[in-house]
Amino acid sequence: MSLTFYQYPKCGTCQKARKWLENHDVPFKSVHIVENPPSKEEIKELVSKSGLDLKKFFNTSGMKYRELGLKDKIKSASDEELFDLLASDGMLLKRPIATDGTQVTVGFKEDTYQQTWASK
């Protein structure tokens, strides 16, 4: 089993997660989230498998999120509009996103990675 690891190389959180995977010998395929962002359908699948609320997939601390004034927009937007937004720009996605096709983690918390990916 190999993970698909959506990440932005300059992101400090992504670097920590990548190092954790490497140190724990978890095989993964790295995907540059800005150059090769997941499609709308892939994002729908990731959200569904994650069990997380769609809004948790937004990079709320990112410049793009603030530039577009999304804090207020996402409160009233439909899910379809939110999926369109996320698919429009990889910088809007919270990262890293790791998936084995069954499970999905968003962001990096060492205990979550330990529980989810350590035995893979």
Protein backbone atom coordinates (compact mmCIF):
# COMPACT_ATOMS: atom_id res chain seq x y z
CA MET A 1 0.00 0.00 0.00
CA SER A 2 1.27 3.42 -0.89
CA LEU A 3 -0.14 6.72 0.24
CA THR A 4 -0.92 9.59 -2.04
CA PHE A 5 0.52 12.61 -0.26
CA TYR A 6 -0.78 15.96 -1.52
CA GLN A 7 1.63 18.63 -0.36
CA TYR A 8 3.20 21.99 -1.07
CA PRO A 9 7.01 21.64 -0.80
CA LYS A 10 7.54 25.04 0.86
CA CYS A 11 4.90 24.37 3.54
CA GLY A 12 6.47 23.71 6.95
CA THR A 13 3.62 21.45 8.04
CA CYS A 14 3.97 19.41 4.85
CA GLN A 15 7.72 19.08 5.47
CA LYS A 16 7.08 17.77 9.00
CA ALA A 17 4.52 15.26 7.72
CA ARG A 18 6.81 14.12 4.91
CA LYS A 19 9.66 13.62 7.37
CA TRP A 20 7.36 11.63 9.67
CA LEU A 21 6.35 9.33 6.79
CA GLU A 22 9.98 8.86 5.75
CA ASN A 23 11.12 8.17 9.34
CA HIS A 24 8.37 5.57 9.77
CA ASP A 25 9.07 3.89 6.41
CA VAL A 26 5.61 4.62 5.07
CA PRO A 27 5.74 4.51 1.26
CA PHE A 28 4.07 7.44 -0.45
CA LYS A 29 3.69 9.15 -3.79
CA SER A 30 4.15 12.88 -3.46
CA VAL A 31 1.78 15.12 -5.42
CA HIS A 32 2.40 18.88 -5.63
CA ILE A 33 -0.97 20.26 -4.51
CA VAL A 34 -0.62 23.49 -6.50
CA GLU A 35 0.82 22.07 -9.75
CA ASN A 36 -1.43 18.97 -9.70
CA PRO A 37 -4.39 19.74 -7.44
CA PRO A 38 -7.06 17.09 -6.94
CA SER A 39 -10.11 17.44 -9.17
CA LYS A 40 -13.55 18.35 -7.86
CA GLU A 41 -14.53 14.66 -7.97
CA GLU A 42 -11.33 13.64 -6.15
CA ILE A 43 -11.99 16.28 -3.48
CA LYS A 44 -15.53 14.98 -3.03
CA GLU A 45 -14.15 11.49 -2.52
CA LEU A 46 -11.48 12.71 -0.07
CA VAL A 47 -14.08 14.60 1.98
CA SER A 48 -16.41 11.61 2.01
CA LYS A 49 -13.70 9.17 3.12
CA SER A 50 -12.26 11.56 5.71
CA GLY A 51 -15.47 11.85 7.71
CA LEU A 52 -14.62 15.54 8.13
CA ASP A 53 -16.81 18.53 7.41
CA LEU A 54 -16.15 20.03 3.96
CA LYS A 55 -15.09 23.35 5.54
CA LYS A 56 -12.17 21.54 7.26
CA PHE A 57 -10.57 21.19 3.82
CA PHE A 58 -10.04 24.94 3.48
CA ASN A 59 -6.62 26.42 4.23
CA THR A 60 -8.09 29.15 6.42
CA SER A 61 -4.68 30.60 7.27
CA GLY A 62 -3.63 30.98 3.63
CA MET A 63 -3.27 34.30 1.82
CA LYS A 64 -5.54 33.17 -1.02
CA TYR A 65 -8.35 32.38 1.45
CA ARG A 66 -8.06 35.87 2.96
CA GLU A 67 -7.65 37.62 -0.42
CA LEU A 68 -10.90 36.08 -1.65
CA GLY A 69 -12.73 36.93 1.59
CA LEU A 70 -13.84 33.33 1.97
CA LYS A 71 -14.42 33.48 5.73
CA ASP A 72 -17.87 34.96 5.16
CA LYS A 73 -18.53 33.37 1.76
CA ILE A 74 -18.21 29.76 2.94
CA LYS A 75 -20.89 30.27 5.59
CA SER A 76 -23.60 30.72 2.96
CA ALA A 77 -22.16 28.88 -0.05
CA SER A 78 -23.58 25.55 -1.20
CA ASP A 79 -21.44 22.41 -1.05
CA GLU A 80 -21.16 22.48 -4.86
CA GLU A 81 -19.83 26.06 -4.72
CA LEU A 82 -17.33 25.04 -2.03
CA PHE A 83 -16.14 22.04 -4.06
CA ASP A 84 -15.74 24.32 -7.10
CA LEU A 85 -13.68 26.76 -5.03
CA LEU A 86 -11.40 24.04 -3.63
CA ALA A 87 -10.87 22.55 -7.09
CA SER A 88 -10.05 25.97 -8.56
CA ASP A 89 -6.81 26.52 -6.62
CA GLY A 90 -4.60 24.07 -4.71
CA MET A 91 -3.57 26.88 -2.35
CA LEU A 92 -7.11 26.89 -0.93
CA LEU A 93 -6.77 23.29 0.25
CA LYS A 94 -5.58 22.56 3.76
CA ARG A 95 -2.44 20.51 3.50
CA PRO A 96 -0.99 18.02 3.56
CA ILE A 97 -3.69 15.56 2.54
CA ALA A 98 -2.73 11.89 2.79
CA THR A 99 -4.84 9.00 1.56
CA ASP A 100 -4.48 5.30 0.93
CA GLY A 101 -7.74 5.20 -0.99
CA THR A 102 -9.71 4.21 2.11
CA GLN A 103 -8.61 6.58 4.85
CA VAL A 104 -7.82 10.29 4.60
CA THR A 105 -5.96 12.67 6.91
CA VAL A 106 -5.89 16.44 6.49
CA GLY A 107 -3.14 18.55 8.05
CA PHE A 108 -0.47 17.01 10.25
CA LYS A 109 -0.82 15.91 13.83
CA GLU A 110 1.74 13.34 14.87
CA ASP A 111 -0.72 11.31 16.96
CA THR A 112 -3.19 11.15 14.04
CA TYR A 113 -0.45 9.99 11.67
CA GLN A 114 0.69 7.42 14.26
CA GLN A 115 -2.85 6.03 14.57
CA THR A 116 -3.67 6.14 10.88
CA TRP A 117 -0.44 5.46 8.98
CA ALA A 118 2.12 3.82 11.31
CA SER A 119 0.97 0.26 10.65
CA LYS A 120 0.80 0.66 6.88
